Amino acid sequence: MTTPSTAVGRVLRSLLAWCLLAPAALLAAGCSGGPGERTLVVLGPWTGGEEKPFTTVLARIGERTGVRYAYEGTRSLRETLVAQLRSDAPPDVAILNGLGELAEYARDGTASPLPEGLAATATGPWAQRITLADDLGQLRQHVYGIPVRVDLKSIVWSRSNGEGRWCLGMASGPVSGWPGTDWIEDLLLQSQGPEVYEAWATGSLEWTDDRVRRAWHLWRDLLTARGGKPGPAALSTPFDGEDGRGLLNSGDCDREHQGSFIRRHYGDDVLPAPTSTVVPGLPDGGGAFEVSGDLAAVFAPGDAAWRLLRELVSPTTRADWARAAKAAERPFFADGTAGPGPRTRATEAVVGLFTEARLLCFDASDAMPPTLRGAFQRAVLEFLQAPGDGALLDRLLRQLEAERLLQQEAGAFALDHLCGRIRR
């Protein structure tokens, strides 16, 4: 059913796309504010309070470049971008949170490879090259995205007086289940090491392998300890707590396995520790952490788009972003820093963990082909309804293995490595 607001939105999007594709008509159509000025559209994942510091940064960049930037924030990033690509109205730049999704856009030719000079500025696990066949069938490797903001994972948040009760919230709209996939990935990385982790995430290791199965068993044992029954409550609980107040503030739990972004919900009495030091039975001292990243990619190549990417990773922009954000929401960058200025204790603790990390590995599910990532999220949700049911886990792993084989046959695995070190 098409509502009036939907129709208006389509008209506005069509007008904006026409403006971007027809420079001669920019002034007449209102897509430019003056001679030599144009509008460059940026699609990204930040909305509400998270959006404001970024739009402030874009305005500052615009003062230097003379380009207007129109930011569109959405929590349904993949769905929005796919719709725009299908209507032939892509944004100039999109900020994505998955290497696997970016590889898909690279395969279909909608994302543009970074110029080598710009690609060289991408560092660590966020700088993975995507391997694709060219028109002659020769395999070529290119970098398609540059990290503008990152987060540390493989950490557990708690207060000093906790009793060891685990928080669990899986609800997150169309991507519900990702906090559970984070658990499985982290437990596999910590228990089996980075080589096994990379092989599994890049499609070389079967889902039915005993080492993968063991990670699910570790999570099961954690969830069901002390008589725990996650079940429906976890499925309906938002990942950031009711009304976005934070799971640790519910009073029902005191340990939360979550990325560094979650600190925005807490004060300095809540601090992070490596998963390997909190979860029983894991080897300690490995120094490997999962990380996530928001990667800027170009979908309408041109000098203005490439310059924006260079600006987004410049020291000036990082400093502007740090100043524009609230103290507990300051972004982390790909060099493991959080920009200049005062920091909260939690931010300082995360920077310290970045510094101490021996190895950083990109989030496994975010590196998988999107259809496999979605199947993984759904499998987690089903598993939580009966984590002690061995037959259920067997069936879920067989289904995920079947999906891996389908994606492998389609050539959808385009990444060879996910782990790296920060270049300081």
Protein backbone atom coordinates (compact mmCIF):
# COMPACT_ATOMS: atom_id res chain seq x y z
CA MET A 1 0.00 0.00 0.00
CA THR A 2 1.41 3.41 -1.00
CA THR A 3 0.76 6.18 1.49
CA PRO A 4 0.98 9.90 0.67
CA SER A 5 4.23 10.15 2.65
CA THR A 6 5.69 7.21 0.71
CA ALA A 7 4.78 8.85 -2.58
CA VAL A 8 6.29 12.15 -1.52
CA GLY A 9 9.48 10.33 -0.44
CA ARG A 10 9.77 8.70 -3.85
CA VAL A 11 9.36 12.01 -5.60
CA LEU A 12 11.99 13.67 -3.43
CA ARG A 13 14.45 10.80 -3.91
CA SER A 14 13.92 10.84 -7.65
CA LEU A 15 14.47 14.60 -7.73
CA LEU A 16 17.63 14.29 -5.66
CA ALA A 17 18.99 11.51 -7.85
CA TRP A 18 18.19 13.56 -10.99
CA CYS A 19 19.99 16.54 -9.50
CA LEU A 20 23.08 14.48 -8.82
CA LEU A 21 23.11 12.97 -12.30
CA ALA A 22 22.41 16.21 -14.15
CA PRO A 23 24.95 18.89 -13.13
CA ALA A 24 23.67 21.34 -15.73
CA ALA A 25 20.35 21.45 -13.93
CA LEU A 26 21.70 21.83 -10.40
CA LEU A 27 20.93 25.49 -9.91
CA ALA A 28 17.48 25.37 -11.44
CA ALA A 29 16.51 22.29 -9.41
CA GLY A 30 17.76 23.61 -6.09
CA CYS A 31 20.48 20.98 -5.63
CA SER A 32 23.18 23.58 -5.31
CA GLY A 33 23.48 26.68 -3.21
CA GLY A 34 25.63 28.71 -5.58
CA PRO A 35 28.11 28.70 -8.46
CA GLY A 36 30.58 25.83 -8.20
CA GLU A 37 28.73 24.26 -5.28
CA ARG A 38 27.07 20.86 -5.47
CA THR A 39 25.42 18.42 -3.10
CA LEU A 40 27.03 15.09 -2.29
CA VAL A 41 24.79 12.49 -0.65
CA VAL A 42 26.12 10.35 2.20
CA LEU A 43 24.16 7.34 3.47
CA GLY A 44 25.08 6.06 6.92
CA PRO A 45 24.02 4.07 9.99
CA TRP A 46 23.79 6.86 12.57
CA THR A 47 20.47 8.37 13.59
CA GLY A 48 19.22 10.55 16.44
CA GLY A 49 21.89 11.62 18.88
CA GLU A 50 24.60 9.63 17.09
CA GLU A 51 23.86 11.50 13.87
CA LYS A 52 24.48 15.02 15.19
CA PRO A 53 28.26 14.81 15.71
CA PHE A 54 28.69 13.33 12.24
CA THR A 55 26.61 16.01 10.52
CA THR A 56 28.65 18.60 12.41
CA VAL A 57 31.79 16.99 11.01
CA LEU A 58 30.36 17.04 7.47
CA ALA A 59 29.57 20.74 7.82
CA ARG A 60 33.16 21.43 8.89
CA ILE A 61 34.48 19.44 5.95
CA GLY A 62 32.17 21.41 3.67
CA GLU A 63 33.73 24.64 4.87
CA ARG A 64 37.09 23.36 3.63
CA THR A 65 35.96 21.74 0.39
CA GLY A 66 33.14 24.03 -0.77
CA VAL A 67 30.90 20.98 -1.21
CA ARG A 68 27.49 20.58 0.39
CA TYR A 69 26.89 17.22 2.07
CA ALA A 70 23.40 15.78 2.56
CA TYR A 71 23.43 13.03 5.17
CA GLU A 72 20.76 10.32 5.27
CA GLY A 73 20.86 8.17 8.42
CA THR A 74 18.99 4.88 8.74
CA ARG A 75 18.95 1.81 10.98
CA SER A 76 17.96 -0.26 7.94
CA LEU A 77 21.12 0.51 6.04
CA ARG A 78 21.29 -2.53 3.79
CA GLU A 79 17.62 -2.39 2.82
CA THR A 80 17.86 1.33 2.05
CA LEU A 81 21.01 1.03 -0.05
CA VAL A 82 19.73 -1.95 -2.02
CA ALA A 83 16.53 -0.04 -2.81
CA GLN A 84 18.51 2.99 -3.95
CA LEU A 85 20.77 0.89 -6.15
CA ARG A 86 17.79 -0.84 -7.73
CA SER A 87 16.20 2.52 -8.52
CA ASP A 88 19.49 3.72 -10.04
CA ALA A 89 19.74 6.48 -7.43
CA PRO A 90 22.75 5.49 -5.31
CA PRO A 91 24.30 7.78 -2.73
CA ASP A 92 27.70 9.20 -3.61
CA VAL A 93 29.15 7.64 -0.46
CA ALA A 94 27.74 4.99 1.87
CA ILE A 95 29.13 4.09 5.28
CA LEU A 96 28.75 0.34 5.75
CA ASN A 97 29.45 -1.88 8.74
CA GLY A 98 30.19 -5.13 6.92
CA LEU A 99 33.07 -6.30 4.73
CA GLY A 100 30.87 -9.11 3.43
CA GLU A 101 28.22 -6.66 2.28
CA LEU A 102 30.87 -4.43 0.73
CA ALA A 103 32.29 -7.44 -1.14
CA GLU A 104 28.82 -8.09 -2.57
CA TYR A 105 28.61 -4.54 -3.92
CA ALA A 106 32.13 -4.87 -5.30
CA ARG A 107 31.15 -8.09 -7.10
CA ASP A 108 28.14 -6.51 -8.80
CA GLY A 109 30.14 -3.42 -9.77
CA THR A 110 28.18 -0.85 -7.77
CA ALA A 111 31.00 -0.04 -5.32
CA SER A 112 34.19 1.51 -6.71
CA PRO A 113 37.71 0.39 -5.72
CA LEU A 114 39.71 2.95 -3.81
CA PRO A 115 42.60 4.67 -5.61
CA GLU A 116 45.85 3.11 -4.40
CA GLY A 117 46.96 6.26 -2.60
CA LEU A 118 43.77 6.31 -0.58
CA ALA A 119 43.71 2.53 -0.07
CA ALA A 120 47.13 2.77 1.55
CA THR A 121 45.66 4.84 4.39
CA ALA A 122 43.36 1.97 5.44
CA THR A 123 44.98 -0.02 8.23
CA GLY A 124 44.65 -3.13 10.35
CA PRO A 125 41.80 -5.63 9.98
CA TRP A 126 39.65 -2.95 8.33
CA ALA A 127 41.97 -2.80 5.28
CA GLN A 128 41.28 -6.24 3.84
CA ARG A 129 41.53 -6.53 0.07
CA ILE A 130 38.59 -8.03 -1.79
CA THR A 131 39.50 -10.63 -4.42
CA LEU A 132 37.44 -10.58 -7.62
CA ALA A 133 37.85 -11.81 -11.19
CA ASP A 134 38.27 -9.15 -13.88
CA ASP A 135 36.76 -9.27 -17.39
CA LEU A 136 39.52 -11.67 -18.49
CA GLY A 137 38.97 -14.01 -15.56
CA GLN A 138 42.13 -12.91 -13.77
CA LEU A 139 41.87 -12.55 -10.00
CA ARG A 140 42.50 -9.01 -8.80
CA GLN A 141 42.60 -7.55 -5.32
CA HIS A 142 41.38 -4.10 -4.37
CA VAL A 143 40.38 -2.19 -1.24
CA TYR A 144 36.84 -0.84 -1.47
CA GLY A 145 36.26 0.78 1.90
CA ILE A 146 38.13 2.93 4.39
CA PRO A 147 37.38 2.82 8.14
CA VAL A 148 36.06 6.11 9.49
CA ARG A 149 35.02 4.80 12.90
CA VAL A 150 35.68 1.51 14.70
CA ASP A 151 34.69 -0.34 17.87
CA LEU A 152 36.38 -2.94 20.03
CA LYS A 153 34.59 -6.21 20.75
CA SER A 154 35.60 -9.34 22.70
CA ILE A 155 34.94 -7.43 25.92
CA VAL A 156 32.60 -7.82 28.89
CA TRP A 157 31.16 -4.81 30.72
CA SER A 158 30.39 -4.95 34.44
CA ARG A 159 30.34 -3.13 37.76
CA SER A 160 32.79 -4.15 40.45
CA ASN A 161 30.08 -5.51 42.78
CA GLY A 162 28.45 -7.88 40.26
CA GLU A 163 27.32 -11.43 40.98
CA GLY A 164 28.08 -12.89 37.55
CA ARG A 165 24.57 -12.77 36.06
CA TRP A 166 24.76 -12.45 32.28
CA CYS A 167 22.69 -9.92 30.35
CA LEU A 168 21.13 -11.06 27.10
CA GLY A 169 19.14 -9.04 24.58
CA MET A 170 18.73 -10.15 20.97
CA ALA A 171 16.13 -7.76 19.54
CA SER A 172 17.48 -5.35 16.93
CA GLY A 173 14.88 -4.95 14.19
CA PRO A 174 15.71 -6.69 10.89
CA VAL A 175 19.11 -7.81 12.20
CA SER A 176 17.90 -9.32 15.49
CA GLY A 177 20.26 -12.02 16.72
CA TRP A 178 23.56 -10.25 16.06
CA PRO A 179 24.50 -10.05 19.77
CA GLY A 180 24.34 -13.85 19.75
CA THR A 181 26.48 -14.19 16.63
CA ASP A 182 29.00 -11.92 18.38
CA TRP A 183 29.11 -14.41 21.25
CA ILE A 184 29.74 -17.42 18.99
CA GLU A 185 32.42 -15.59 17.00
CA ASP A 186 34.23 -14.38 20.10
CA LEU A 187 34.15 -17.78 21.80
CA LEU A 188 35.54 -19.41 18.65
CA LEU A 189 38.31 -16.81 18.39
CA GLN A 190 39.26 -17.12 22.06
CA SER A 191 39.09 -20.92 22.25
CA GLN A 192 40.51 -21.90 18.84
CA GLY A 193 42.67 -18.96 17.82
CA PRO A 194 42.78 -16.59 14.82
CA GLU A 195 43.65 -19.14 12.12
CA VAL A 196 40.56 -21.25 12.76
CA TYR A 197 38.48 -18.08 13.15
CA GLU A 198 39.61 -16.72 9.77
CA ALA A 199 39.10 -20.04 8.01
CA TRP A 200 35.54 -20.27 9.31
CA ALA A 201 34.59 -16.65 8.61
CA THR A 202 36.03 -16.65 5.07
CA GLY A 203 34.23 -19.84 4.06
CA SER A 204 37.03 -22.42 4.28
CA LEU A 205 35.89 -24.25 7.42
CA GLU A 206 32.67 -26.25 7.69
CA TRP A 207 30.01 -25.15 10.15
CA THR A 208 29.70 -28.77 11.28
CA ASP A 209 33.38 -28.88 12.31
CA ASP A 210 33.76 -29.88 15.95
CA ARG A 211 35.67 -26.67 16.75
CA VAL A 212 32.73 -24.57 15.59
CA ARG A 213 30.27 -26.79 17.45
CA ARG A 214 32.36 -26.37 20.61
CA ALA A 215 31.87 -22.60 20.50
CA TRP A 216 28.11 -23.08 20.54
CA HIS A 217 28.50 -25.51 23.47
CA LEU A 218 30.57 -22.95 25.39
CA TRP A 219 27.82 -20.39 24.94
CA ARG A 220 25.17 -22.94 25.93
CA ASP A 221 27.03 -23.74 29.14
CA LEU A 222 27.36 -20.06 29.97
CA LEU A 223 23.66 -19.40 29.37
CA THR A 224 22.37 -22.36 31.33
CA ALA A 225 24.74 -22.08 34.30
CA ARG A 226 23.01 -21.40 37.60
CA GLY A 227 19.79 -22.70 36.08
CA GLY A 228 19.54 -19.96 33.44
CA LYS A 229 16.83 -20.23 30.78
CA PRO A 230 17.29 -17.46 28.17
CA GLY A 231 14.33 -18.43 25.98
CA PRO A 232 11.70 -15.92 24.84
CA ALA A 233 12.82 -13.17 27.23
CA ALA A 234 16.14 -12.77 25.41
CA LEU A 235 14.46 -12.80 22.00
CA SER A 236 12.20 -9.89 22.85
CA THR A 237 14.68 -7.84 24.89
CA PRO A 238 16.36 -5.01 22.92
CA PHE A 239 20.14 -5.37 22.70
CA ASP A 240 20.55 -1.98 24.42
CA GLY A 241 17.85 -2.57 27.04
CA GLU A 242 14.30 -1.35 27.36
CA ASP A 243 13.95 2.18 25.97
CA GLY A 244 17.67 2.12 25.18
CA ARG A 245 18.68 2.49 28.84
CA GLY A 246 21.32 -0.27 28.80
CA LEU A 247 20.94 -3.88 29.90
CA LEU A 248 23.14 -3.39 32.95
CA ASN A 249 20.75 -0.73 34.24
CA SER A 250 17.82 -3.16 34.32
CA GLY A 251 18.84 -4.63 37.68
CA ASP A 252 18.40 -8.14 36.29
CA CYS A 253 22.03 -8.80 35.32
CA ASP A 254 25.55 -7.50 35.89
CA ARG A 255 27.71 -8.77 33.01
CA GLU A 256 27.24 -7.66 29.42
CA HIS A 257 29.13 -8.98 26.39
CA GLN A 258 29.04 -6.02 24.03
CA GLY A 259 31.15 -3.73 21.84
CA SER A 260 32.74 -0.51 23.02
CA PHE A 261 29.88 1.62 21.69
CA ILE A 262 27.62 0.44 24.54
CA ARG A 263 29.50 2.62 27.04
CA ARG A 264 27.28 5.54 26.07
CA HIS A 265 24.56 4.07 28.33
CA TYR A 266 26.74 3.88 31.44
CA GLY A 267 28.78 5.91 33.86
CA ASP A 268 32.35 5.37 34.95
CA ASP A 269 31.31 2.61 37.36
CA VAL A 270 30.90 0.27 34.37
CA LEU A 271 34.20 -0.82 32.80
CA PRO A 272 35.31 -3.41 30.21
CA ALA A 273 37.51 -6.49 30.55
CA PRO A 274 38.65 -8.97 27.86
CA THR A 275 36.26 -11.89 27.35
CA SER A 276 39.12 -14.32 27.91
CA THR A 277 39.56 -13.06 31.48
CA VAL A 278 35.88 -13.30 32.40
CA VAL A 279 34.50 -16.46 30.77
CA PRO A 280 35.59 -19.66 32.54
CA GLY A 281 37.53 -22.23 30.54
CA LEU A 282 39.04 -19.90 27.93
CA PRO A 283 42.80 -19.63 27.39
CA ASP A 284 44.08 -16.39 28.92
CA GLY A 285 46.70 -14.10 27.44
CA GLY A 286 46.03 -14.67 23.73
CA GLY A 287 45.53 -10.97 23.13
CA ALA A 288 43.16 -11.37 20.17
CA PHE A 289 40.07 -9.16 19.96
CA GLU A 290 37.21 -8.90 17.53
CA VAL A 291 36.55 -5.45 16.10
CA SER A 292 33.86 -3.86 13.99
CA GLY A 293 34.15 -0.91 11.67
CA ASP A 294 32.12 1.65 9.77
CA LEU A 295 33.61 1.67 6.28
CA ALA A 296 33.13 4.53 3.83
CA ALA A 297 32.69 3.32 0.23
CA VAL A 298 32.06 5.22 -2.98
CA PHE A 299 29.06 4.40 -5.17
CA ALA A 300 29.18 7.49 -7.46
CA PRO A 301 32.89 8.03 -8.10
CA GLY A 302 34.23 11.51 -8.64
CA ASP A 303 36.77 13.92 -7.23
CA ALA A 304 34.34 15.20 -4.58
CA ALA A 305 33.61 11.69 -3.28
CA TRP A 306 37.27 10.69 -3.10
CA ARG A 307 38.15 13.93 -1.35
CA LEU A 308 35.43 13.33 1.23
CA LEU A 309 36.96 9.94 2.07
CA ARG A 310 40.36 11.55 2.52
CA GLU A 311 38.84 14.19 4.75
CA LEU A 312 36.96 11.64 6.86
CA VAL A 313 40.18 9.95 7.95
CA SER A 314 42.21 13.13 8.41
CA PRO A 315 43.51 14.20 11.85
CA THR A 316 41.46 17.42 11.55
CA THR A 317 38.20 15.54 11.05
CA ARG A 318 38.95 13.09 13.85
CA ALA A 319 39.57 15.98 16.22
CA ASP A 320 36.36 17.72 15.10
CA TRP A 321 34.37 14.49 15.58
CA ALA A 322 35.79 13.91 19.07
CA ARG A 323 34.90 17.46 20.10
CA ALA A 324 31.37 17.26 18.65
CA ALA A 325 30.48 13.98 20.42
CA LYS A 326 29.35 13.62 24.02
CA ALA A 327 32.04 12.39 26.40
CA ALA A 328 30.67 8.84 26.56
CA GLU A 329 30.03 8.67 22.81
CA ARG A 330 33.36 9.74 21.41
CA PRO A 331 34.30 7.62 18.40
CA PHE A 332 37.28 5.32 18.20
CA PHE A 333 39.43 5.45 15.10
CA ALA A 334 41.45 2.88 13.17
CA ASP A 335 44.67 3.81 14.97
CA GLY A 336 43.09 2.78 18.28
CA THR A 337 42.68 6.34 19.54
CA ALA A 338 39.63 8.42 20.44
CA GLY A 339 40.82 11.86 19.37
CA PRO A 340 42.17 14.68 21.54
CA GLY A 341 40.55 16.01 24.68
CA PRO A 342 39.27 14.63 28.02
CA ARG A 343 38.03 11.04 28.16
CA THR A 344 35.74 9.06 30.40
CA ARG A 345 37.22 6.14 32.35
CA ALA A 346 35.45 3.71 30.04
CA THR A 347 36.87 5.36 26.92
CA GLU A 348 40.34 5.37 28.46
CA ALA A 349 39.97 1.68 29.29
CA VAL A 350 39.03 0.78 25.71
CA VAL A 351 41.96 2.78 24.31
CA GLY A 352 44.18 0.83 26.69
CA LEU A 353 42.83 -2.49 25.40
CA PHE A 354 43.41 -1.37 21.80
CA THR A 355 47.01 -0.59 22.76
CA GLU A 356 47.54 -3.94 24.48
CA ALA A 357 45.89 -6.05 21.75
CA ARG A 358 48.23 -8.47 20.04
CA LEU A 359 45.85 -9.04 17.13
CA LEU A 360 42.57 -7.56 15.93
CA CYS A 361 40.13 -9.60 13.83
CA PHE A 362 37.22 -8.13 11.91
CA ASP A 363 33.76 -9.27 13.06
CA ALA A 364 33.24 -12.67 11.41
CA SER A 365 29.55 -12.42 10.56
CA ASP A 366 30.04 -8.89 9.19
CA ALA A 367 32.62 -10.39 6.81
CA MET A 368 30.34 -13.21 5.62
CA PRO A 369 28.10 -12.93 2.56
CA PRO A 370 24.90 -11.15 3.69
CA THR A 371 22.63 -14.16 3.16
CA LEU A 372 24.86 -16.35 5.33
CA ARG A 373 25.06 -13.62 7.96
CA GLY A 374 21.26 -13.45 8.03
CA ALA A 375 20.97 -17.23 8.35
CA PHE A 376 23.47 -17.14 11.22
CA GLN A 377 21.40 -14.52 13.06
CA ARG A 378 18.22 -16.54 12.64
CA ALA A 379 19.96 -19.72 13.81
CA VAL A 380 21.02 -17.97 17.01
CA LEU A 381 17.45 -16.95 17.73
CA GLU A 382 16.21 -20.50 17.22
CA PHE A 383 19.04 -21.98 19.29
CA LEU A 384 18.17 -19.76 22.26
CA GLN A 385 14.73 -21.30 22.52
CA ALA A 386 16.29 -24.66 23.44
CA PRO A 387 20.07 -24.35 23.91
CA GLY A 388 20.28 -27.78 25.52
CA ASP A 389 18.69 -29.57 22.55
CA GLY A 390 21.59 -31.29 20.75
CA ALA A 391 19.42 -32.38 17.83
CA LEU A 392 18.34 -28.77 17.26
CA LEU A 393 21.94 -27.57 17.17
CA ASP A 394 22.86 -30.37 14.73
CA ARG A 395 20.07 -29.29 12.40
CA LEU A 396 20.99 -25.61 12.60
CA LEU A 397 24.65 -26.30 11.84
CA ARG A 398 23.73 -28.50 8.86
CA GLN A 399 21.52 -25.71 7.52
CA LEU A 400 24.30 -23.15 7.92
CA GLU A 401 26.75 -25.49 6.22
CA ALA A 402 24.36 -25.89 3.29
CA GLU A 403 24.20 -22.10 2.98
CA ARG A 404 28.00 -21.87 3.12
CA LEU A 405 28.26 -24.32 0.22
CA LEU A 406 25.73 -22.32 -1.80
CA GLN A 407 27.67 -19.11 -1.23
CA GLN A 408 30.94 -20.84 -2.03
CA GLU A 409 29.53 -22.12 -5.32
CA ALA A 410 28.34 -18.59 -6.15
CA GLY A 411 31.81 -17.17 -5.51
CA ALA A 412 30.50 -14.94 -2.72
CA PHE A 413 33.49 -15.42 -0.40
CA ALA A 414 35.93 -12.73 -1.52
CA LEU A 415 38.07 -12.23 1.60
CA ASP A 416 41.17 -14.21 2.49
CA HIS A 417 42.09 -12.66 5.83
CA LEU A 418 40.33 -10.81 8.63
CA CYS A 419 43.03 -10.24 11.23
CA GLY A 420 45.71 -7.59 11.46
CA ARG A 421 47.46 -5.09 13.66
CA ILE A 422 47.05 -1.37 14.14
CA ARG A 423 49.61 0.76 12.38
CA ARG A 424 50.41 3.65 14.68
